[in-house]
């Protein structure tokens, strides 16, 4: 079950709600990429360790052992609401 977040909570860290959503979405994509890299590292090392004889056994083992990470969107939202995400605009300084 998901918890609702007050718009007032989002406005504490950003003047614009849409801006806050974009920052959270960008961070969620970064977290997702980090999690994907960790999974690839784990699966890659498992493939390097296995031999051809027990390949079927390893595949069955991998199917049963799922790697569970927290949802990237939830992590990004928590980071934003805790003030851990800092952002700025790039471009002209007029």
PDB file of N, CA and C in Angstrom:
ATOM      1  N   UNK A   1       0.847  -1.177   0.000  1.00  0.00           N
ATOM      2  CA  UNK A   1       0.000   0.000   0.000  1.00  0.00           C
ATOM      3  C   UNK A   1       0.890   1.237   0.000  1.00  0.00           C
ATOM      4  N   UNK A   2       0.470   2.233  -0.701  1.00  0.00           N
ATOM      5  CA  UNK A   2       1.282   3.445  -0.794  1.00  0.00           C
ATOM      6  C   UNK A   2       0.688   4.553   0.072  1.00  0.00           C
ATOM      7  N   UNK A   3       1.561   5.388   0.550  1.00  0.00           N
ATOM      8  CA  UNK A   3       1.134   6.518   1.371  1.00  0.00           C
ATOM      9  C   UNK A   3       1.041   7.758   0.489  1.00  0.00           C
ATOM     10  N   UNK A   4       0.076   8.595   0.776  1.00  0.00           N
ATOM     11  CA  UNK A   4      -0.043   9.835   0.018  1.00  0.00           C
ATOM     12  C   UNK A   4       0.872  10.889   0.624  1.00  0.00           C
ATOM     13  N   UNK A   5       1.336  11.760  -0.236  1.00  0.00           N
ATOM     14  CA  UNK A   5       2.227  12.830   0.202  1.00  0.00           C
ATOM     15  C   UNK A   5       1.514  14.156  -0.013  1.00  0.00           C
ATOM     16  N   UNK A   6       1.549  14.972   0.979  1.00  0.00           N
ATOM     17  CA  UNK A   6       0.904  16.275   0.907  1.00  0.00           C
ATOM     18  C   UNK A   6       1.662  17.186  -0.056  1.00  0.00           C
ATOM     19  N   UNK A   7       0.923  17.972  -0.795  1.00  0.00           N
ATOM     20  CA  UNK A   7       1.565  18.937  -1.689  1.00  0.00           C
ATOM     21  C   UNK A   7       2.337  19.981  -0.897  1.00  0.00           C
ATOM     22  N   UNK A   8       1.883  20.251   0.307  1.00  0.00           N
ATOM     23  CA  UNK A   8       2.602  21.197   1.165  1.00  0.00           C
ATOM     24  C   UNK A   8       4.007  20.691   1.486  1.00  0.00           C
ATOM     25  N   UNK A   9       4.136  19.369   1.645  1.00  0.00           N
ATOM     26  CA  UNK A   9       5.458  18.792   1.904  1.00  0.00           C
ATOM     27  C   UNK A   9       6.393  19.016   0.721  1.00  0.00           C
ATOM     28  N   UNK A  10       5.859  18.874  -0.486  1.00  0.00           N
ATOM     29  CA  UNK A  10       6.681  19.101  -1.677  1.00  0.00           C
ATOM     30  C   UNK A  10       7.065  20.572  -1.810  1.00  0.00           C
ATOM     31  N   UNK A  11       6.144  21.449  -1.455  1.00  0.00           N
ATOM     32  CA  UNK A  11       6.406  22.886  -1.590  1.00  0.00           C
ATOM     33  C   UNK A  11       7.422  23.400  -0.578  1.00  0.00           C
ATOM     34  N   UNK A  12       7.699  22.640   0.464  1.00  0.00           N
ATOM     35  CA  UNK A  12       8.714  23.057   1.431  1.00  0.00           C
ATOM     36  C   UNK A  12      10.102  23.088   0.802  1.00  0.00           C
ATOM     37  N   UNK A  13      10.328  22.227  -0.169  1.00  0.00           N
ATOM     38  CA  UNK A  13      11.650  22.106  -0.770  1.00  0.00           C
ATOM     39  C   UNK A  13      11.726  22.680  -2.177  1.00  0.00           C
ATOM     40  N   UNK A  14      10.597  23.068  -2.731  1.00  0.00           N
ATOM     41  CA  UNK A  14      10.572  23.632  -4.079  1.00  0.00           C
ATOM     42  C   UNK A  14       9.386  24.583  -4.195  1.00  0.00           C
ATOM     43  N   UNK A  15       9.584  25.669  -4.910  1.00  0.00           N
ATOM     44  CA  UNK A  15       8.497  26.628  -5.114  1.00  0.00           C
ATOM     45  C   UNK A  15       7.469  26.106  -6.108  1.00  0.00           C
ATOM     46  N   UNK A  16       7.888  25.215  -6.961  1.00  0.00           N
ATOM     47  CA  UNK A  16       7.040  24.718  -8.024  1.00  0.00           C
ATOM     48  C   UNK A  16       6.881  23.204  -7.865  1.00  0.00           C
ATOM     49  N   UNK A  17       5.652  22.728  -7.791  1.00  0.00           N
ATOM     50  CA  UNK A  17       5.393  21.302  -7.601  1.00  0.00           C
ATOM     51  C   UNK A  17       5.892  20.500  -8.796  1.00  0.00           C
ATOM     52  N   UNK A  18       5.692  21.016 -10.003  1.00  0.00           N
ATOM     53  CA  UNK A  18       6.127  20.308 -11.205  1.00  0.00           C
ATOM     54  C   UNK A  18       7.647  20.174 -11.230  1.00  0.00           C
ATOM     55  N   UNK A  19       8.308  21.200 -10.772  1.00  0.00           N
ATOM     56  CA  UNK A  19       9.764  21.165 -10.665  1.00  0.00           C
ATOM     57  C   UNK A  19      10.189  20.075  -9.680  1.00  0.00           C
ATOM     58  N   UNK A  20       9.500  19.979  -8.567  1.00  0.00           N
ATOM     59  CA  UNK A  20       9.812  18.954  -7.566  1.00  0.00           C
ATOM     60  C   UNK A  20       9.621  17.557  -8.146  1.00  0.00           C
ATOM     61  N   UNK A  21       8.547  17.369  -8.895  1.00  0.00           N
ATOM     62  CA  UNK A  21       8.279  16.068  -9.511  1.00  0.00           C
ATOM     63  C   UNK A  21       9.376  15.709 -10.505  1.00  0.00           C
ATOM     64  N   UNK A  22       9.831  16.682 -11.285  1.00  0.00           N
ATOM     65  CA  UNK A  22      10.898  16.423 -12.257  1.00  0.00           C
ATOM     66  C   UNK A  22      12.208  16.062 -11.558  1.00  0.00           C
ATOM     67  N   UNK A  23      12.507  16.720 -10.462  1.00  0.00           N
ATOM     68  CA  UNK A  23      13.724  16.415  -9.703  1.00  0.00           C
ATOM     69  C   UNK A  23      13.634  15.001  -9.131  1.00  0.00           C
ATOM     70  N   UNK A  24      12.487  14.651  -8.584  1.00  0.00           N
ATOM     71  CA  UNK A  24      12.294  13.309  -8.025  1.00  0.00           C
ATOM     72  C   UNK A  24      12.401  12.256  -9.127  1.00  0.00           C
ATOM     73  N   UNK A  25      11.795  12.524 -10.279  1.00  0.00           N
ATOM     74  CA  UNK A  25      11.843  11.569 -11.392  1.00  0.00           C
ATOM     75  C   UNK A  25      13.271  11.367 -11.893  1.00  0.00           C
ATOM     76  N   UNK A  26      14.017  12.451 -12.001  1.00  0.00           N
ATOM     77  CA  UNK A  26      15.419  12.358 -12.446  1.00  0.00           C
ATOM     78  C   UNK A  26      16.231  11.514 -11.467  1.00  0.00           C
ATOM     79  N   UNK A  27      16.045  11.749 -10.177  1.00  0.00           N
ATOM     80  CA  UNK A  27      16.780  10.987  -9.163  1.00  0.00           C
ATOM     81  C   UNK A  27      16.352   9.519  -9.177  1.00  0.00           C
ATOM     82  N   UNK A  28      15.065   9.258  -9.399  1.00  0.00           N
ATOM     83  CA  UNK A  28      14.578   7.876  -9.460  1.00  0.00           C
ATOM     84  C   UNK A  28      15.238   7.128 -10.618  1.00  0.00           C
ATOM     85  N   UNK A  29      15.416   7.793 -11.760  1.00  0.00           N
ATOM     86  CA  UNK A  29      16.111   7.165 -12.889  1.00  0.00           C
ATOM     87  C   UNK A  29      17.565   6.863 -12.542  1.00  0.00           C
ATOM     88  N   UNK A  30      18.211   7.776 -11.816  1.00  0.00           N
ATOM     89  CA  UNK A  30      19.593   7.538 -11.392  1.00  0.00           C
ATOM     90  C   UNK A  30      19.669   6.328 -10.457  1.00  0.00           C
ATOM     91  N   UNK A  31      18.753   6.251  -9.511  1.00  0.00           N
ATOM     92  CA  UNK A  31      18.726   5.123  -8.573  1.00  0.00           C
ATOM     93  C   UNK A  31      18.477   3.821  -9.327  1.00  0.00           C
ATOM     94  N   UNK A  32      17.560   3.852 -10.294  1.00  0.00           N
ATOM     95  CA  UNK A  32      17.259   2.667 -11.089  1.00  0.00           C
ATOM     96  C   UNK A  32      18.499   2.194 -11.846  1.00  0.00           C
ATOM     97  N   UNK A  33      19.247   3.122 -12.423  1.00  0.00           N
ATOM     98  CA  UNK A  33      20.477   2.765 -13.135  1.00  0.00           C
ATOM     99  C   UNK A  33      21.506   2.153 -12.187  1.00  0.00           C
ATOM    100  N   UNK A  34      21.627   2.705 -10.986  1.00  0.00           N
ATOM    101  CA  UNK A  34      22.557   2.157  -9.989  1.00  0.00           C
ATOM    102  C   UNK A  34      22.160   0.736  -9.597  1.00  0.00           C
ATOM    103  N   UNK A  35      20.873   0.515  -9.396  1.00  0.00           N
ATOM    104  CA  UNK A  35      20.401  -0.818  -9.028  1.00  0.00           C
ATOM    105  C   UNK A  35      20.638  -1.806 -10.166  1.00  0.00           C
ATOM    106  N   UNK A  36      20.416  -1.369 -11.398  1.00  0.00           N
ATOM    107  CA  UNK A  36      20.636  -2.230 -12.558  1.00  0.00           C
ATOM    108  C   UNK A  36      22.108  -2.628 -12.664  1.00  0.00           C
ATOM    109  N   UNK A  37      23.012  -1.683 -12.399  1.00  0.00           N
ATOM    110  CA  UNK A  37      24.442  -1.990 -12.436  1.00  0.00           C
ATOM    111  C   UNK A  37      24.809  -3.013 -11.364  1.00  0.00           C
ATOM    112  N   UNK A  38      24.249  -2.868 -10.176  1.00  0.00           N
ATOM    113  CA  UNK A  38      24.524  -3.829  -9.098  1.00  0.00           C
ATOM    114  C   UNK A  38      24.051  -5.226  -9.484  1.00  0.00           C
ATOM    115  N   UNK A  39      22.874  -5.309 -10.086  1.00  0.00           N
ATOM    116  CA  UNK A  39      22.343  -6.603 -10.512  1.00  0.00           C
ATOM    117  C   UNK A  39      23.239  -7.214 -11.582  1.00  0.00           C
ATOM    118  N   UNK A  40      23.666  -6.408 -12.552  1.00  0.00           N
ATOM    119  CA  UNK A  40      24.537  -6.916 -13.610  1.00  0.00           C
ATOM    120  C   UNK A  40      25.870  -7.395 -13.049  1.00  0.00           C
ATOM    121  N   UNK A  41      26.397  -6.695 -12.049  1.00  0.00           N
ATOM    122  CA  UNK A  41      27.644  -7.131 -11.418  1.00  0.00           C
ATOM    123  C   UNK A  41      27.463  -8.473 -10.725  1.00  0.00           C
ATOM    124  N   UNK A  42      26.363  -8.633 -10.015  1.00  0.00           N
ATOM    125  CA  UNK A  42      26.107  -9.879  -9.292  1.00  0.00           C
ATOM    126  C   UNK A  42      25.895 -11.029 -10.269  1.00  0.00           C
ATOM    127  N   UNK A  43      25.084 -10.806 -11.284  1.00  0.00           N
ATOM    128  CA  UNK A  43      24.811 -11.851 -12.268  1.00  0.00           C
ATOM    129  C   UNK A  43      26.069 -12.149 -13.079  1.00  0.00           C
ATOM    130  N   UNK A  44      26.834 -11.122 -13.397  1.00  0.00           N
ATOM    131  CA  UNK A  44      28.071 -11.310 -14.158  1.00  0.00           C
ATOM    132  C   UNK A  44      29.080 -12.147 -13.406  1.00  0.00           C
ATOM    133  N   UNK A  45      29.232 -11.931 -12.115  1.00  0.00           N
ATOM    134  CA  UNK A  45      30.173 -12.726 -11.323  1.00  0.00           C
ATOM    135  C   UNK A  45      29.668 -14.149 -11.165  1.00  0.00           C
ATOM    136  N   UNK A  46      28.369 -14.331 -11.100  1.00  0.00           N
ATOM    137  CA  UNK A  46      27.815 -15.683 -10.994  1.00  0.00           C
ATOM    138  C   UNK A  46      28.069 -16.454 -12.284  1.00  0.00           C
ATOM    139  N   UNK A  47      27.959 -15.781 -13.424  1.00  0.00           N
ATOM    140  CA  UNK A  47      28.202 -16.435 -14.704  1.00  0.00           C
ATOM    141  C   UNK A  47      29.671 -16.796 -14.863  1.00  0.00           C
ATOM    142  N   UNK A  48      30.577 -15.964 -14.380  1.00  0.00           N
ATOM    143  CA  UNK A  48      31.999 -16.234 -14.494  1.00  0.00           C
ATOM    144  C   UNK A  48      32.403 -17.417 -13.615  1.00  0.00           C
ATOM    145  N   UNK A  49      31.752 -17.604 -12.495  1.00  0.00           N
ATOM    146  CA  UNK A  49      32.095 -18.675 -11.566  1.00  0.00           C
ATOM    147  C   UNK A  49      31.562 -20.035 -12.004  1.00  0.00           C
ATOM    148  N   UNK A  50      30.528 -20.051 -12.809  1.00  0.00           N
ATOM    149  CA  UNK A  50      29.903 -21.324 -13.161  1.00  0.00           C
ATOM    150  C   UNK A  50      30.642 -21.991 -14.320  1.00  0.00           C
ATOM    151  N   UNK A  51      30.589 -23.302 -14.324  1.00  0.00           N
ATOM    152  CA  UNK A  51      31.168 -24.056 -15.434  1.00  0.00           C
ATOM    153  C   UNK A  51      30.035 -24.521 -16.329  1.00  0.00           C
ATOM    154  N   UNK A  52      30.394 -25.091 -17.468  1.00  0.00           N
ATOM    155  CA  UNK A  52      29.374 -25.520 -18.420  1.00  0.00           C
ATOM    156  C   UNK A  52      28.557 -26.694 -17.891  1.00  0.00           C
ATOM    157  N   UNK A  53      29.143 -27.533 -17.050  1.00  0.00           N
ATOM    158  CA  UNK A  53      28.450 -28.720 -16.553  1.00  0.00           C
ATOM    159  C   UNK A  53      27.236 -28.372 -15.697  1.00  0.00           C
ATOM    160  N   UNK A  54      27.394 -27.404 -14.825  1.00  0.00           N
ATOM    161  CA  UNK A  54      26.294 -27.094 -13.914  1.00  0.00           C
ATOM    162  C   UNK A  54      25.541 -25.830 -14.332  1.00  0.00           C
ATOM    163  N   UNK A  55      25.527 -25.549 -15.613  1.00  0.00           N
ATOM    164  CA  UNK A  55      24.865 -24.344 -16.113  1.00  0.00           C
ATOM    165  C   UNK A  55      23.365 -24.378 -15.843  1.00  0.00           C
ATOM    166  N   UNK A  56      22.739 -25.548 -16.051  1.00  0.00           N
ATOM    167  CA  UNK A  56      21.301 -25.660 -15.803  1.00  0.00           C
ATOM    168  C   UNK A  56      20.981 -25.442 -14.332  1.00  0.00           C
ATOM    169  N   UNK A  57      21.808 -25.988 -13.457  1.00  0.00           N
ATOM    170  CA  UNK A  57      21.600 -25.821 -12.018  1.00  0.00           C
ATOM    171  C   UNK A  57      21.724 -24.357 -11.617  1.00  0.00           C
ATOM    172  N   UNK A  58      22.699 -23.669 -12.173  1.00  0.00           N
ATOM    173  CA  UNK A  58      22.917 -22.256 -11.850  1.00  0.00           C
ATOM    174  C   UNK A  58      21.742 -21.425 -12.328  1.00  0.00           C
ATOM    175  N   UNK A  59      21.233 -21.723 -13.510  1.00  0.00           N
ATOM    176  CA  UNK A  59      20.088 -20.968 -14.026  1.00  0.00           C
ATOM    177  C   UNK A  59      18.869 -21.153 -13.124  1.00  0.00           C
ATOM    178  N   UNK A  60      18.637 -22.391 -12.677  1.00  0.00           N
ATOM    179  CA  UNK A  60      17.516 -22.626 -11.770  1.00  0.00           C
ATOM    180  C   UNK A  60      17.717 -21.872 -10.462  1.00  0.00           C
ATOM    181  N   UNK A  61      18.937 -21.856  -9.968  1.00  0.00           N
ATOM    182  CA  UNK A  61      19.261 -21.148  -8.720  1.00  0.00           C
ATOM    183  C   UNK A  61      19.021 -19.649  -8.884  1.00  0.00           C
ATOM    184  N   UNK A  62      19.422 -19.085 -10.031  1.00  0.00           N
ATOM    185  CA  UNK A  62      19.240 -17.651 -10.272  1.00  0.00           C
ATOM    186  C   UNK A  62      17.765 -17.294 -10.350  1.00  0.00           C
ATOM    187  N   UNK A  63      16.976 -18.181 -10.954  1.00  0.00           N
ATOM    188  CA  UNK A  63      15.551 -17.909 -11.073  1.00  0.00           C
ATOM    189  C   UNK A  63      14.880 -17.862  -9.700  1.00  0.00           C
ATOM    190  N   UNK A  64      15.349 -18.660  -8.761  1.00  0.00           N
ATOM    191  CA  UNK A  64      14.752 -18.697  -7.431  1.00  0.00           C
ATOM    192  C   UNK A  64      15.222 -17.552  -6.546  1.00  0.00           C
ATOM    193  N   UNK A  65      16.436 -17.101  -6.720  1.00  0.00           N
ATOM    194  CA  UNK A  65      16.991 -16.048  -5.867  1.00  0.00           C
ATOM    195  C   UNK A  65      16.869 -14.693  -6.549  1.00  0.00           C
ATOM    196  N   UNK A  66      15.792 -14.023  -6.271  1.00  0.00           N
ATOM    197  CA  UNK A  66      15.589 -12.698  -6.832  1.00  0.00           C
ATOM    198  C   UNK A  66      16.272 -11.666  -5.950  1.00  0.00           C
ATOM    199  N   UNK A  67      16.839 -10.693  -6.581  1.00  0.00           N
ATOM    200  CA  UNK A  67      17.459  -9.596  -5.852  1.00  0.00           C
ATOM    201  C   UNK A  67      16.391  -8.527  -5.687  1.00  0.00           C
ATOM    202  N   UNK A  68      16.083  -8.187  -4.460  1.00  0.00           N
ATOM    203  CA  UNK A  68      15.032  -7.204  -4.209  1.00  0.00           C
ATOM    204  C   UNK A  68      15.649  -5.903  -3.733  1.00  0.00           C
ATOM    205  N   UNK A  69      15.294  -4.856  -4.416  1.00  0.00           N
ATOM    206  CA  UNK A  69      15.701  -3.510  -4.046  1.00  0.00           C
ATOM    207  C   UNK A  69      14.443  -2.705  -3.764  1.00  0.00           C
ATOM    208  N   UNK A  70      14.552  -1.674  -2.945  1.00  0.00           N
ATOM    209  CA  UNK A  70      13.404  -0.779  -2.775  1.00  0.00           C
ATOM    210  C   UNK A  70      13.096  -0.078  -4.099  1.00  0.00           C
ATOM    211  N   UNK A  71      11.880   0.324  -4.257  1.00  0.00           N
ATOM    212  CA  UNK A  71      11.490   0.996  -5.497  1.00  0.00           C
ATOM    213  C   UNK A  71      12.221   2.328  -5.630  1.00  0.00           C
ATOM    214  N   UNK A  72      12.779   2.597  -6.812  1.00  0.00           N
ATOM    215  CA  UNK A  72      13.545   3.829  -7.017  1.00  0.00           C
ATOM    216  C   UNK A  72      12.735   5.100  -6.770  1.00  0.00           C
ATOM    217  N   UNK A  73      11.476   5.098  -7.150  1.00  0.00           N
ATOM    218  CA  UNK A  73      10.651   6.287  -6.959  1.00  0.00           C
ATOM    219  C   UNK A  73      10.457   6.583  -5.479  1.00  0.00           C
ATOM    220  N   UNK A  74      10.245   5.544  -4.711  1.00  0.00           N
ATOM    221  CA  UNK A  74      10.061   5.720  -3.262  1.00  0.00           C
ATOM    222  C   UNK A  74      11.334   6.264  -2.618  1.00  0.00           C
ATOM    223  N   UNK A  75      12.484   5.712  -3.004  1.00  0.00           N
ATOM    224  CA  UNK A  75      13.754   6.196  -2.463  1.00  0.00           C
ATOM    225  C   UNK A  75      13.992   7.657  -2.837  1.00  0.00           C
ATOM    226  N   UNK A  76      13.721   7.994  -4.098  1.00  0.00           N
ATOM    227  CA  UNK A  76      13.931   9.369  -4.557  1.00  0.00           C
ATOM    228  C   UNK A  76      13.017  10.335  -3.811  1.00  0.00           C
ATOM    229  N   UNK A  77      11.778   9.937  -3.587  1.00  0.00           N
ATOM    230  CA  UNK A  77      10.844  10.803  -2.881  1.00  0.00           C
ATOM    231  C   UNK A  77      11.271  11.004  -1.429  1.00  0.00           C
ATOM    232  N   UNK A  78      11.727   9.930  -0.800  1.00  0.00           N
ATOM    233  CA  UNK A  78      12.203  10.048   0.582  1.00  0.00           C
ATOM    234  C   UNK A  78      13.414  10.974   0.660  1.00  0.00           C
ATOM    235  N   UNK A  79      14.338  10.828  -0.285  1.00  0.00           N
ATOM    236  CA  UNK A  79      15.515  11.698  -0.310  1.00  0.00           C
ATOM    237  C   UNK A  79      15.107  13.156  -0.488  1.00  0.00           C
ATOM    238  N   UNK A  80      14.150  13.398  -1.357  1.00  0.00           N
ATOM    239  CA  UNK A  80      13.698  14.767  -1.612  1.00  0.00           C
ATOM    240  C   UNK A  80      13.060  15.366  -0.363  1.00  0.00           C
ATOM    241  N   UNK A  81      12.198  14.599   0.289  1.00  0.00           N
ATOM    242  CA  UNK A  81      11.494  15.104   1.469  1.00  0.00           C
ATOM    243  C   UNK A  81      12.416  15.263   2.675  1.00  0.00           C
ATOM    244  N   UNK A  82      13.549  14.574   2.672  1.00  0.00           N
ATOM    245  CA  UNK A  82      14.527  14.728   3.743  1.00  0.00           C
ATOM    246  C   UNK A  82      15.536  15.831   3.429  1.00  0.00           C
ATOM    247  N   UNK A  83      15.399  16.435   2.263  1.00  0.00           N
ATOM    248  CA  UNK A  83      16.297  17.521   1.880  1.00  0.00           C
ATOM    249  C   UNK A  83      17.670  17.057   1.429  1.00  0.00           C
ATOM    250  N   UNK A  84      17.790  15.805   1.028  1.00  0.00           N
ATOM    251  CA  UNK A  84      19.080  15.262   0.609  1.00  0.00           C
ATOM    252  C   UNK A  84      19.400  15.553  -0.855  1.00  0.00           C
ATOM    253  N   UNK A  85      18.409  15.955  -1.624  1.00  0.00           N
ATOM    254  CA  UNK A  85      18.625  16.231  -3.045  1.00  0.00           C
ATOM    255  C   UNK A  85      18.806  17.728  -3.235  1.00  0.00           C
ATOM    256  N   UNK A  86      19.907  18.085  -3.820  1.00  0.00           N
ATOM    257  CA  UNK A  86      20.189  19.484  -4.152  1.00  0.00           C
ATOM    258  C   UNK A  86      20.181  19.611  -5.672  1.00  0.00           C
ATOM    259  N   UNK A  87      19.582  20.672  -6.174  1.00  0.00           N
ATOM    260  CA  UNK A  87      19.544  20.869  -7.619  1.00  0.00           C
ATOM    261  C   UNK A  87      19.682  22.345  -7.926  1.00  0.00           C
ATOM    262  N   UNK A  88      20.126  22.601  -9.137  1.00  0.00           N
ATOM    263  CA  UNK A  88      20.276  23.985  -9.597  1.00  0.00           C
ATOM    264  C   UNK A  88      20.092  24.001 -11.104  1.00  0.00           C
ATOM    265  N   UNK A  89      19.844  25.171 -11.625  1.00  0.00           N
ATOM    266  CA  UNK A  89      19.670  25.330 -13.057  1.00  0.00           C
ATOM    267  C   UNK A  89      21.003  25.633 -13.712  1.00  0.00           C
ATOM    268  N   UNK A  90      21.237  24.996 -14.839  1.00  0.00           N
ATOM    269  CA  UNK A  90      22.430  25.280 -15.619  1.00  0.00           C
ATOM    270  C   UNK A  90      22.052  26.246 -16.735  1.00  0.00           C
ATOM    271  N   UNK A  91      22.964  27.098 -17.109  1.00  0.00           N
ATOM    272  CA  UNK A  91      22.673  28.010 -18.204  1.00  0.00           C
ATOM    273  C   UNK A  91      23.181  29.401 -17.915  1.00  0.00           C
ATOM    274  N   UNK A  92      22.525  30.364 -18.530  1.00  0.00           N
ATOM    275  CA  UNK A  92      22.932  31.764 -18.385  1.00  0.00           C
ATOM    276  C   UNK A  92      22.735  32.242 -16.959  1.00  0.00           C
ATOM    277  N   UNK A  93      23.647  33.076 -16.519  1.00  0.00           N
ATOM    278  CA  UNK A  93      23.561  33.624 -15.164  1.00  0.00           C
ATOM    279  C   UNK A  93      23.168  35.097 -15.214  1.00  0.00           C
ATOM    280  N   UNK A  94      22.194  35.424 -16.044  1.00  0.00           N
ATOM    281  CA  UNK A  94      21.747  36.818 -16.195  1.00  0.00           C
ATOM    282  C   UNK A  94      20.910  37.255 -15.036  1.00  0.00           C
TER     283      UNK A  94
END
